[in-house]
Full PDB file with SEQRES, HELIX, SHEET, SSBOND, CRYST1, ORIGX, SCALE, CONECT and MASTER records, all heavy atoms in Angstrom:
SEQRES   1 A   33  ALA LYS GLY ILE SER PHE LEU VAL MET ARG PHE ALA ALA          
SEQRES   2 A   33  GLU ASP GLY ARG THR LEU GLN ALA LYS VAL GLY PRO PHE          
SEQRES   3 A   33  ARG ASN PRO PRO ALA LEU VAL                                  
SHEET    1 AA1 2 SER A   5  ALA A  12  0                                        
SHEET    2 AA1 2 THR A  18  PHE A  26 -1                                        
CRYST1    1.000    1.000    1.000  90.00  90.00  90.00 P 1           1          
ORIGX1      1.000000  0.000000  0.000000        0.00000                         
ORIGX2      0.000000  1.000000  0.000000        0.00000                         
ORIGX3      0.000000  0.000000  1.000000        0.00000                         
SCALE1      1.000000  0.000000  0.000000        0.00000                         
SCALE2      0.000000  1.000000  0.000000        0.00000                         
SCALE3      0.000000  0.000000  1.000000        0.00000                         
ATOM      1  N   ALA A   1     -31.711   4.854 -10.671  1.00  0.00           N  
ATOM      2  CA  ALA A   1     -32.588   5.956 -11.072  1.00  0.00           C  
ATOM      3  C   ALA A   1     -33.384   6.525  -9.906  1.00  0.00           C  
ATOM      4  O   ALA A   1     -33.806   7.678  -9.945  1.00  0.00           O  
ATOM      5  CB  ALA A   1     -33.534   5.486 -12.173  1.00  0.00           C  
ATOM      6  N   LYS A   2     -33.586   5.741  -8.859  1.00  0.00           N  
ATOM      7  CA  LYS A   2     -34.348   6.198  -7.693  1.00  0.00           C  
ATOM      8  C   LYS A   2     -33.479   6.905  -6.659  1.00  0.00           C  
ATOM      9  O   LYS A   2     -33.958   7.294  -5.606  1.00  0.00           O  
ATOM     10  CB  LYS A   2     -35.057   5.016  -7.030  1.00  0.00           C  
ATOM     11  CG  LYS A   2     -36.081   4.349  -7.910  1.00  0.00           C  
ATOM     12  CD  LYS A   2     -36.682   3.153  -7.212  1.00  0.00           C  
ATOM     13  CE  LYS A   2     -37.631   2.420  -8.136  1.00  0.00           C  
ATOM     14  NZ  LYS A   2     -38.122   1.193  -7.517  1.00  0.00           N  
ATOM     15  N   GLY A   3     -32.194   7.034  -6.929  1.00  0.00           N  
ATOM     16  CA  GLY A   3     -31.299   7.694  -5.994  1.00  0.00           C  
ATOM     17  C   GLY A   3     -30.719   6.783  -4.932  1.00  0.00           C  
ATOM     18  O   GLY A   3     -30.072   7.247  -3.996  1.00  0.00           O  
ATOM     19  N   ILE A   4     -30.931   5.489  -5.059  1.00  0.00           N  
ATOM     20  CA  ILE A   4     -30.390   4.514  -4.107  1.00  0.00           C  
ATOM     21  C   ILE A   4     -28.947   4.208  -4.507  1.00  0.00           C  
ATOM     22  O   ILE A   4     -28.670   3.902  -5.667  1.00  0.00           O  
ATOM     23  CB  ILE A   4     -31.226   3.218  -4.091  1.00  0.00           C  
ATOM     24  CG1 ILE A   4     -32.692   3.515  -3.792  1.00  0.00           C  
ATOM     25  CG2 ILE A   4     -30.640   2.208  -3.119  1.00  0.00           C  
ATOM     26  CD1 ILE A   4     -32.935   4.098  -2.421  1.00  0.00           C  
ATOM     27  N   SER A   5     -28.045   4.274  -3.553  1.00  0.00           N  
ATOM     28  CA  SER A   5     -26.620   4.066  -3.829  1.00  0.00           C  
ATOM     29  C   SER A   5     -26.111   2.758  -3.238  1.00  0.00           C  
ATOM     30  O   SER A   5     -26.580   2.299  -2.198  1.00  0.00           O  
ATOM     31  CB  SER A   5     -25.796   5.213  -3.231  1.00  0.00           C  
ATOM     32  OG  SER A   5     -26.116   6.424  -3.845  1.00  0.00           O  
ATOM     33  N   PHE A   6     -25.142   2.193  -3.919  1.00  0.00           N  
ATOM     34  CA  PHE A   6     -24.373   1.052  -3.442  1.00  0.00           C  
ATOM     35  C   PHE A   6     -22.914   1.446  -3.516  1.00  0.00           C  
ATOM     36  O   PHE A   6     -22.507   2.175  -4.430  1.00  0.00           O  
ATOM     37  CB  PHE A   6     -24.617  -0.185  -4.313  1.00  0.00           C  
ATOM     38  CG  PHE A   6     -25.984  -0.773  -4.156  1.00  0.00           C  
ATOM     39  CD1 PHE A   6     -27.039  -0.313  -4.923  1.00  0.00           C  
ATOM     40  CD2 PHE A   6     -26.210  -1.779  -3.239  1.00  0.00           C  
ATOM     41  CE1 PHE A   6     -28.307  -0.845  -4.779  1.00  0.00           C  
ATOM     42  CE2 PHE A   6     -27.479  -2.325  -3.082  1.00  0.00           C  
ATOM     43  CZ  PHE A   6     -28.523  -1.855  -3.856  1.00  0.00           C  
ATOM     44  N   LEU A   7     -22.139   1.005  -2.562  1.00  0.00           N  
ATOM     45  CA  LEU A   7     -20.709   1.290  -2.546  1.00  0.00           C  
ATOM     46  C   LEU A   7     -19.937   0.010  -2.816  1.00  0.00           C  
ATOM     47  O   LEU A   7     -20.254  -1.040  -2.266  1.00  0.00           O  
ATOM     48  CB  LEU A   7     -20.289   1.856  -1.193  1.00  0.00           C  
ATOM     49  CG  LEU A   7     -20.963   3.143  -0.740  1.00  0.00           C  
ATOM     50  CD1 LEU A   7     -20.471   3.532   0.646  1.00  0.00           C  
ATOM     51  CD2 LEU A   7     -20.728   4.251  -1.738  1.00  0.00           C  
ATOM     52  N   VAL A   8     -18.924   0.109  -3.661  1.00  0.00           N  
ATOM     53  CA  VAL A   8     -18.018  -1.008  -3.893  1.00  0.00           C  
ATOM     54  C   VAL A   8     -16.807  -0.762  -3.011  1.00  0.00           C  
ATOM     55  O   VAL A   8     -16.115   0.253  -3.149  1.00  0.00           O  
ATOM     56  CB  VAL A   8     -17.613  -1.109  -5.377  1.00  0.00           C  
ATOM     57  CG1 VAL A   8     -16.645  -2.263  -5.582  1.00  0.00           C  
ATOM     58  CG2 VAL A   8     -18.856  -1.273  -6.254  1.00  0.00           C  
ATOM     59  N   MET A   9     -16.594  -1.677  -2.076  1.00  0.00           N  
ATOM     60  CA  MET A   9     -15.555  -1.521  -1.052  1.00  0.00           C  
ATOM     61  C   MET A   9     -14.440  -2.547  -1.276  1.00  0.00           C  
ATOM     62  O   MET A   9     -14.715  -3.699  -1.611  1.00  0.00           O  
ATOM     63  CB  MET A   9     -16.149  -1.713   0.334  1.00  0.00           C  
ATOM     64  CG  MET A   9     -17.357  -0.844   0.641  1.00  0.00           C  
ATOM     65  SD  MET A   9     -17.068   0.916   0.515  1.00  0.00           S  
ATOM     66  CE  MET A   9     -15.902   1.152   1.832  1.00  0.00           C  
ATOM     67  N   ARG A  10     -13.197  -2.130  -1.046  1.00  0.00           N  
ATOM     68  CA  ARG A  10     -12.043  -3.028  -1.147  1.00  0.00           C  
ATOM     69  C   ARG A  10     -11.370  -3.069   0.218  1.00  0.00           C  
ATOM     70  O   ARG A  10     -11.154  -2.039   0.847  1.00  0.00           O  
ATOM     71  CB  ARG A  10     -11.073  -2.509  -2.197  1.00  0.00           C  
ATOM     72  CG  ARG A  10      -9.925  -3.480  -2.456  1.00  0.00           C  
ATOM     73  CD  ARG A  10      -9.074  -3.065  -3.621  1.00  0.00           C  
ATOM     74  NE  ARG A  10      -9.862  -3.137  -4.850  1.00  0.00           N  
ATOM     75  CZ  ARG A  10      -9.706  -2.321  -5.885  1.00  0.00           C  
ATOM     76  NH1 ARG A  10      -8.802  -1.369  -5.849  1.00  0.00           N  
ATOM     77  NH2 ARG A  10     -10.441  -2.462  -6.959  1.00  0.00           N  
ATOM     78  N   PHE A  11     -11.055  -4.292   0.656  1.00  0.00           N  
ATOM     79  CA  PHE A  11     -10.442  -4.465   1.974  1.00  0.00           C  
ATOM     80  C   PHE A  11      -9.591  -5.716   1.994  1.00  0.00           C  
ATOM     81  O   PHE A  11      -9.688  -6.565   1.116  1.00  0.00           O  
ATOM     82  CB  PHE A  11     -11.519  -4.529   3.062  1.00  0.00           C  
ATOM     83  CG  PHE A  11     -12.512  -5.642   2.889  1.00  0.00           C  
ATOM     84  CD1 PHE A  11     -12.335  -6.852   3.526  1.00  0.00           C  
ATOM     85  CD2 PHE A  11     -13.631  -5.476   2.075  1.00  0.00           C  
ATOM     86  CE1 PHE A  11     -13.245  -7.885   3.369  1.00  0.00           C  
ATOM     87  CE2 PHE A  11     -14.552  -6.494   1.911  1.00  0.00           C  
ATOM     88  CZ  PHE A  11     -14.363  -7.708   2.555  1.00  0.00           C  
ATOM     89  N   ALA A  12      -8.735  -5.806   2.999  1.00  0.00           N  
ATOM     90  CA  ALA A  12      -7.870  -6.971   3.172  1.00  0.00           C  
ATOM     91  C   ALA A  12      -8.522  -7.923   4.165  1.00  0.00           C  
ATOM     92  O   ALA A  12      -8.906  -7.524   5.266  1.00  0.00           O  
ATOM     93  CB  ALA A  12      -6.501  -6.555   3.677  1.00  0.00           C  
ATOM     94  N   ALA A  13      -8.652  -9.174   3.768  1.00  0.00           N  
ATOM     95  CA  ALA A  13      -9.207 -10.201   4.651  1.00  0.00           C  
ATOM     96  C   ALA A  13      -8.154 -10.601   5.680  1.00  0.00           C  
ATOM     97  O   ALA A  13      -6.977 -10.255   5.567  1.00  0.00           O  
ATOM     98  CB  ALA A  13      -9.643 -11.422   3.851  1.00  0.00           C  
ATOM     99  N   GLU A  14      -8.596 -11.347   6.667  1.00  0.00           N  
ATOM    100  CA  GLU A  14      -7.723 -11.811   7.745  1.00  0.00           C  
ATOM    101  C   GLU A  14      -6.526 -12.612   7.215  1.00  0.00           C  
ATOM    102  O   GLU A  14      -5.440 -12.554   7.763  1.00  0.00           O  
ATOM    103  CB  GLU A  14      -8.565 -12.674   8.686  1.00  0.00           C  
ATOM    104  CG  GLU A  14      -8.004 -12.884  10.042  1.00  0.00           C  
ATOM    105  CD  GLU A  14      -8.997 -13.657  10.899  1.00  0.00           C  
ATOM    106  OE1 GLU A  14      -9.542 -14.674  10.435  1.00  0.00           O  
ATOM    107  OE2 GLU A  14      -9.224 -13.226  12.030  1.00  0.00           O  
ATOM    108  N   ASP A  15      -6.756 -13.353   6.127  1.00  0.00           N  
ATOM    109  CA  ASP A  15      -5.694 -14.190   5.566  1.00  0.00           C  
ATOM    110  C   ASP A  15      -4.806 -13.446   4.568  1.00  0.00           C  
ATOM    111  O   ASP A  15      -3.941 -14.034   3.944  1.00  0.00           O  
ATOM    112  CB  ASP A  15      -6.278 -15.446   4.923  1.00  0.00           C  
ATOM    113  CG  ASP A  15      -7.206 -15.127   3.760  1.00  0.00           C  
ATOM    114  OD1 ASP A  15      -7.335 -13.936   3.387  1.00  0.00           O  
ATOM    115  OD2 ASP A  15      -7.822 -16.067   3.223  1.00  0.00           O  
ATOM    116  N   GLY A  16      -5.025 -12.140   4.412  1.00  0.00           N  
ATOM    117  CA  GLY A  16      -4.173 -11.333   3.553  1.00  0.00           C  
ATOM    118  C   GLY A  16      -4.707 -11.091   2.151  1.00  0.00           C  
ATOM    119  O   GLY A  16      -4.159 -10.270   1.423  1.00  0.00           O  
ATOM    120  N   ARG A  17      -5.748 -11.817   1.760  1.00  0.00           N  
ATOM    121  CA  ARG A  17      -6.322 -11.613   0.421  1.00  0.00           C  
ATOM    122  C   ARG A  17      -7.005 -10.256   0.335  1.00  0.00           C  
ATOM    123  O   ARG A  17      -7.592  -9.790   1.306  1.00  0.00           O  
ATOM    124  CB  ARG A  17      -7.363 -12.694   0.098  1.00  0.00           C  
ATOM    125  CG  ARG A  17      -6.753 -14.037  -0.158  1.00  0.00           C  
ATOM    126  CD  ARG A  17      -7.798 -15.009  -0.600  1.00  0.00           C  
ATOM    127  NE  ARG A  17      -8.596 -15.389   0.582  1.00  0.00           N  
ATOM    128  CZ  ARG A  17      -9.698 -16.108   0.527  1.00  0.00           C  
ATOM    129  NH1 ARG A  17     -10.163 -16.537  -0.626  1.00  0.00           N  
ATOM    130  NH2 ARG A  17     -10.335 -16.415   1.628  1.00  0.00           N  
ATOM    131  N   THR A  18      -6.936  -9.635  -0.822  1.00  0.00           N  
ATOM    132  CA  THR A  18      -7.661  -8.394  -1.060  1.00  0.00           C  
ATOM    133  C   THR A  18      -9.026  -8.760  -1.639  1.00  0.00           C  
ATOM    134  O   THR A  18      -9.117  -9.479  -2.633  1.00  0.00           O  
ATOM    135  CB  THR A  18      -6.896  -7.487  -2.046  1.00  0.00           C  
ATOM    136  OG1 THR A  18      -5.630  -7.178  -1.464  1.00  0.00           O  
ATOM    137  CG2 THR A  18      -7.657  -6.211  -2.306  1.00  0.00           C  
ATOM    138  N   LEU A  19     -10.075  -8.280  -0.985  1.00  0.00           N  
ATOM    139  CA  LEU A  19     -11.438  -8.595  -1.395  1.00  0.00           C  
ATOM    140  C   LEU A  19     -12.157  -7.328  -1.807  1.00  0.00           C  
ATOM    141  O   LEU A  19     -11.806  -6.224  -1.371  1.00  0.00           O  
ATOM    142  CB  LEU A  19     -12.199  -9.254  -0.243  1.00  0.00           C  
ATOM    143  CG  LEU A  19     -11.588 -10.532   0.316  1.00  0.00           C  
ATOM    144  CD1 LEU A  19     -12.357 -10.977   1.538  1.00  0.00           C  
ATOM    145  CD2 LEU A  19     -11.588 -11.613  -0.733  1.00  0.00           C  
ATOM    146  N   GLN A  20     -13.169  -7.516  -2.634  1.00  0.00           N  
ATOM    147  CA  GLN A  20     -14.000  -6.398  -3.059  1.00  0.00           C  
ATOM    148  C   GLN A  20     -15.453  -6.836  -2.933  1.00  0.00           C  
ATOM    149  O   GLN A  20     -15.800  -7.946  -3.326  1.00  0.00           O  
ATOM    150  CB  GLN A  20     -13.662  -6.042  -4.504  1.00  0.00           C  
ATOM    151  CG  GLN A  20     -14.314  -4.787  -4.992  1.00  0.00           C  
ATOM    152  CD  GLN A  20     -13.698  -4.312  -6.288  1.00  0.00           C  
ATOM    153  OE1 GLN A  20     -12.503  -4.073  -6.338  1.00  0.00           O  
ATOM    154  NE2 GLN A  20     -14.505  -4.192  -7.314  1.00  0.00           N  
ATOM    155  N   ALA A  21     -16.289  -5.970  -2.378  1.00  0.00           N  
ATOM    156  CA  ALA A  21     -17.698  -6.311  -2.176  1.00  0.00           C  
ATOM    157  C   ALA A  21     -18.554  -5.071  -2.324  1.00  0.00           C  
ATOM    158  O   ALA A  21     -18.120  -3.956  -2.026  1.00  0.00           O  
ATOM    159  CB  ALA A  21     -17.900  -6.915  -0.792  1.00  0.00           C  
ATOM    160  N   LYS A  22     -19.784  -5.298  -2.751  1.00  0.00           N  
ATOM    161  CA  LYS A  22     -20.756  -4.215  -2.867  1.00  0.00           C  
ATOM    162  C   LYS A  22     -21.605  -4.207  -1.606  1.00  0.00           C  
ATOM    163  O   LYS A  22     -22.118  -5.248  -1.184  1.00  0.00           O  
ATOM    164  CB  LYS A  22     -21.649  -4.452  -4.080  1.00  0.00           C  
ATOM    165  CG  LYS A  22     -22.590  -3.296  -4.377  1.00  0.00           C  
ATOM    166  CD  LYS A  22     -23.575  -3.607  -5.482  1.00  0.00           C  
ATOM    167  CE  LYS A  22     -22.921  -3.726  -6.812  1.00  0.00           C  
ATOM    168  NZ  LYS A  22     -23.910  -3.804  -7.913  1.00  0.00           N  
ATOM    169  N   VAL A  23     -21.721  -3.039  -0.969  1.00  0.00           N  
ATOM    170  CA  VAL A  23     -22.542  -2.892   0.227  1.00  0.00           C  
ATOM    171  C   VAL A  23     -23.623  -1.850  -0.041  1.00  0.00           C  
ATOM    172  O   VAL A  23     -23.453  -0.951  -0.839  1.00  0.00           O  
ATOM    173  CB  VAL A  23     -21.718  -2.522   1.482  1.00  0.00           C  
ATOM    174  CG1 VAL A  23     -20.750  -3.625   1.845  1.00  0.00           C  
ATOM    175  CG2 VAL A  23     -20.982  -1.219   1.301  1.00  0.00           C  
ATOM    176  N   GLY A  24     -24.706  -1.987   0.674  1.00  0.00           N  
ATOM    177  CA  GLY A  24     -25.813  -1.051   0.509  1.00  0.00           C  
ATOM    178  C   GLY A  24     -27.109  -1.816   0.555  1.00  0.00           C  
ATOM    179  O   GLY A  24     -27.118  -3.000   0.884  1.00  0.00           O  
ATOM    180  N   PRO A  25     -28.175  -1.206   0.269  1.00  0.00           N  
ATOM    181  CA  PRO A  25     -28.413   0.099  -0.339  1.00  0.00           C  
ATOM    182  C   PRO A  25     -28.366   1.227   0.696  1.00  0.00           C  
ATOM    183  O   PRO A  25     -28.606   1.015   1.876  1.00  0.00           O  
ATOM    184  CB  PRO A  25     -29.805  -0.029  -0.925  1.00  0.00           C  
ATOM    185  CG  PRO A  25     -30.497  -0.984  -0.012  1.00  0.00           C  
ATOM    186  CD  PRO A  25     -29.429  -1.954   0.442  1.00  0.00           C  
ATOM    187  N   PHE A  26     -28.049   2.417   0.200  1.00  0.00           N  
ATOM    188  CA  PHE A  26     -27.985   3.617   1.025  1.00  0.00           C  
ATOM    189  C   PHE A  26     -28.775   4.747   0.367  1.00  0.00           C  
ATOM    190  O   PHE A  26     -28.687   4.923  -0.841  1.00  0.00           O  
ATOM    191  CB  PHE A  26     -26.539   4.124   1.170  1.00  0.00           C  
ATOM    192  CG  PHE A  26     -25.596   3.148   1.790  1.00  0.00           C  
ATOM    193  CD1 PHE A  26     -24.693   2.449   1.009  1.00  0.00           C  
ATOM    194  CD2 PHE A  26     -25.591   2.939   3.151  1.00  0.00           C  
ATOM    195  CE1 PHE A  26     -23.806   1.558   1.573  1.00  0.00           C  
ATOM    196  CE2 PHE A  26     -24.708   2.053   3.728  1.00  0.00           C  
ATOM    197  CZ  PHE A  26     -23.804   1.354   2.945  1.00  0.00           C  
ATOM    198  N   ARG A  27     -29.493   5.496   1.151  1.00  0.00           N  
ATOM    199  CA  ARG A  27     -30.066   6.771   0.673  1.00  0.00           C  
ATOM    200  C   ARG A  27     -28.971   7.832   0.725  1.00  0.00           C  
ATOM    201  O   ARG A  27     -28.834   8.636  -0.166  1.00  0.00           O  
ATOM    202  CB  ARG A  27     -31.248   7.213   1.546  1.00  0.00           C  
ATOM    203  CG  ARG A  27     -32.518   6.541   1.215  1.00  0.00           C  
ATOM    204  CD  ARG A  27     -33.274   7.371   0.200  1.00  0.00           C  
ATOM    205  NE  ARG A  27     -34.490   6.661  -0.152  1.00  0.00           N  
ATOM    206  CZ  ARG A  27     -34.949   6.605  -1.373  1.00  0.00           C  
ATOM    207  NH1 ARG A  27     -34.346   7.220  -2.352  1.00  0.00           N  
ATOM    208  NH2 ARG A  27     -36.032   5.945  -1.627  1.00  0.00           N  
ATOM    209  N   ASN A  28     -28.220   7.838   1.829  1.00  0.00           N  
ATOM    210  CA  ASN A  28     -27.094   8.747   2.012  1.00  0.00           C  
ATOM    211  C   ASN A  28     -25.859   7.904   2.306  1.00  0.00           C  
ATOM    212  O   ASN A  28     -25.641   7.506   3.453  1.00  0.00           O  
ATOM    213  CB  ASN A  28     -27.356   9.714   3.173  1.00  0.00           C  
ATOM    214  CG  ASN A  28     -28.563  10.573   2.920  1.00  0.00           C  
ATOM    215  OD1 ASN A  28     -28.672  11.188   1.878  1.00  0.00           O  
ATOM    216  ND2 ASN A  28     -29.479  10.598   3.874  1.00  0.00           N  
ATOM    217  N   PRO A  29     -25.052   7.608   1.298  1.00  0.00           N  
ATOM    218  CA  PRO A  29     -23.888   6.735   1.505  1.00  0.00           C  
ATOM    219  C   PRO A  29     -22.935   7.299   2.549  1.00  0.00           C  
ATOM    220  O   PRO A  29     -22.722   8.511   2.621  1.00  0.00           O  
ATOM    221  CB  PRO A  29     -23.221   6.701   0.131  1.00  0.00           C  
ATOM    222  CG  PRO A  29     -24.256   7.149  -0.826  1.00  0.00           C  
ATOM    223  CD  PRO A  29     -25.173   8.058  -0.076  1.00  0.00           C  
ATOM    224  N   PRO A  30     -22.355   6.423   3.370  1.00  0.00           N  
ATOM    225  CA  PRO A  30     -21.450   6.877   4.435  1.00  0.00           C  
ATOM    226  C   PRO A  30     -20.051   7.234   3.947  1.00  0.00           C  
ATOM    227  O   PRO A  30     -19.220   7.636   4.756  1.00  0.00           O  
ATOM    228  CB  PRO A  30     -21.411   5.682   5.386  1.00  0.00           C  
ATOM    229  CG  PRO A  30     -21.686   4.506   4.517  1.00  0.00           C  
ATOM    230  CD  PRO A  30     -22.631   4.994   3.457  1.00  0.00           C  
ATOM    231  N   ALA A  31     -19.768   7.074   2.649  1.00  0.00           N  
ATOM    232  CA  ALA A  31     -18.429   7.387   2.143  1.00  0.00           C  
ATOM    233  C   ALA A  31     -18.501   7.792   0.678  1.00  0.00           C  
ATOM    234  O   ALA A  31     -19.402   7.379  -0.050  1.00  0.00           O  
ATOM    235  CB  ALA A  31     -17.508   6.184   2.290  1.00  0.00           C  
ATOM    236  N   LEU A  32     -17.544   8.585   0.283  1.00  0.00           N  
ATOM    237  CA  LEU A  32     -17.342   8.921  -1.121  1.00  0.00           C  
ATOM    238  C   LEU A  32     -16.237   8.024  -1.661  1.00  0.00           C  
ATOM    239  O   LEU A  32     -15.537   7.349  -0.891  1.00  0.00           O  
ATOM    240  CB  LEU A  32     -16.941  10.394  -1.254  1.00  0.00           C  
ATOM    241  CG  LEU A  32     -17.961  11.416  -0.765  1.00  0.00           C  
ATOM    242  CD1 LEU A  32     -17.360  12.817  -0.801  1.00  0.00           C  
ATOM    243  CD2 LEU A  32     -19.225  11.339  -1.597  1.00  0.00           C  
ATOM    244  N   VAL A  33     -16.057   8.013  -2.964  1.00  0.00           N  
ATOM    245  CA  VAL A  33     -14.972   7.229  -3.549  1.00  0.00           C  
ATOM    246  C   VAL A  33     -13.657   7.722  -2.959  1.00  0.00           C  
ATOM    247  O   VAL A  33     -13.392   8.928  -2.906  1.00  0.00           O  
ATOM    248  CB  VAL A  33     -14.979   7.347  -5.090  1.00  0.00           C  
ATOM    249  CG1 VAL A  33     -13.761   6.667  -5.689  1.00  0.00           C  
ATOM    250  CG2 VAL A  33     -16.254   6.752  -5.667  1.00  0.00           C  
TER     251      VAL A  33                                                      
MASTER        0    0    0    0    2    0    0    6  250    1    0    3          
END                                                                             
């Protein structure tokens, strides 16, 4: 409600697993979906 954004990011780990993590908080997020 305060305009603070979190991004849910998906990436491949070094061992090949696909991981998902929430990063932030951001006032102006560095990426769109």
